[in-house]
Amino acid sequence: MAHQSGTAKKKDAFIGRVVAGRYRLEELLGEGGMGVVYRARHVLIDRVVAIKLIRPDLRSETHLRAWMLREARAANRVDHAHIVD
């Protein structure tokens, strides 16, 4: 995933939006071939999280939803002292 440097960060229309009814997108962290990663905040418990969304131009590709769900489940199974849960 290509990371955006502090000076190269671009304006994003999704910043400030609430997704899934509970995560307010705060900052675009980076983007890759299929996904966009944001720093977000859980609006009820005030917890900072990372949210990965399918790139807007690929949202009609229904097979990517299943791929991202598998990726999220795999990431959820990772248990390591240096990974914040």
Protein backbone atom coordinates (compact mmCIF):
# COMPACT_ATOMS: atom_id res chain seq x y z
CA MET A 1 0.00 0.00 0.00
CA ALA A 2 1.41 3.36 -0.98
CA HIS A 3 1.64 5.67 2.01
CA GLN A 4 0.98 9.36 1.54
CA SER A 5 3.55 11.72 2.98
CA GLY A 6 2.44 14.54 5.27
CA THR A 7 2.87 17.15 2.55
CA ALA A 8 1.29 15.07 -0.21
CA LYS A 9 -1.99 14.30 1.57
CA LYS A 10 -4.91 15.28 -0.60
CA LYS A 11 -8.38 16.49 0.28
CA ASP A 12 -10.85 13.63 0.52
CA ALA A 13 -14.62 14.03 0.31
CA PHE A 14 -15.07 11.15 2.78
CA ILE A 15 -13.29 12.91 5.65
CA GLY A 16 -15.87 13.71 8.32
CA ARG A 17 -18.37 11.10 7.14
CA VAL A 18 -19.63 8.40 9.49
CA VAL A 19 -19.47 4.87 8.10
CA ALA A 20 -21.25 1.80 9.46
CA GLY A 21 -23.15 4.13 11.77
CA ARG A 22 -20.27 4.47 14.20
CA TYR A 23 -16.89 5.37 12.64
CA ARG A 24 -16.14 9.00 11.73
CA LEU A 25 -13.39 9.18 9.10
CA GLU A 26 -10.70 11.64 10.21
CA GLU A 27 -7.71 11.27 7.92
CA LEU A 28 -6.68 9.44 4.77
CA LEU A 29 -3.67 7.31 5.74
CA GLY A 30 -2.96 5.60 2.44
CA GLU A 31 -4.31 3.78 -0.54
CA GLY A 32 -3.41 0.75 -2.57
CA GLY A 33 -4.65 -1.11 -5.60
CA MET A 34 -8.02 -2.04 -4.13
CA GLY A 35 -8.43 -0.24 -0.82
CA VAL A 36 -8.23 3.08 0.96
CA VAL A 37 -7.21 3.25 4.64
CA TYR A 38 -8.46 5.95 6.99
CA ARG A 39 -7.84 6.87 10.59
CA ALA A 40 -11.30 6.91 12.12
CA ARG A 41 -12.87 7.39 15.52
CA HIS A 42 -15.64 5.25 17.03
CA VAL A 43 -18.23 7.92 17.79
CA LEU A 44 -19.70 6.20 20.86
CA ILE A 45 -16.59 5.09 22.73
CA ASP A 46 -14.10 7.65 21.33
CA ARG A 47 -11.63 4.98 20.20
CA VAL A 48 -9.24 5.60 17.29
CA VAL A 49 -9.21 2.81 14.70
CA ALA A 50 -8.02 2.17 11.17
CA ILE A 51 -10.74 1.55 8.59
CA LYS A 52 -10.07 0.03 5.18
CA LEU A 53 -12.66 0.67 2.48
CA ILE A 54 -12.88 -0.52 -1.10
CA ARG A 55 -11.73 2.25 -3.43
CA PRO A 56 -14.75 4.21 -4.75
CA ASP A 57 -14.02 3.29 -8.37
CA LEU A 58 -14.14 -0.43 -7.49
CA ARG A 59 -17.26 -0.56 -5.31
CA SER A 60 -19.32 -2.13 -8.11
CA GLU A 61 -16.96 -5.14 -8.10
CA THR A 62 -18.99 -7.40 -5.80
CA HIS A 63 -16.24 -10.05 -5.49
CA LEU A 64 -14.05 -7.48 -3.71
CA ARG A 65 -16.48 -7.36 -0.78
CA ALA A 66 -15.90 -11.06 -0.10
CA TRP A 67 -12.14 -10.58 -0.49
CA MET A 68 -12.08 -7.71 2.01
CA LEU A 69 -14.23 -9.66 4.46
CA ARG A 70 -11.77 -12.58 4.32
CA GLU A 71 -8.90 -10.13 4.85
CA ALA A 72 -10.65 -8.56 7.87
CA ARG A 73 -11.32 -11.97 9.41
CA ALA A 74 -7.69 -12.99 8.94
CA ALA A 75 -6.45 -9.74 10.50
CA ASN A 76 -8.81 -10.27 13.44
CA ARG A 77 -7.20 -13.66 14.17
CA VAL A 78 -3.70 -12.18 14.49
CA ASP A 79 -2.59 -12.08 18.12
CA HIS A 80 0.77 -10.48 18.81
CA ALA A 81 2.20 -8.29 21.56
CA HIS A 82 3.12 -5.57 19.04
CA ILE A 83 -0.33 -5.39 17.43
CA VAL A 84 -2.99 -3.27 19.08
CA ASP A 85 -6.37 -4.95 19.26
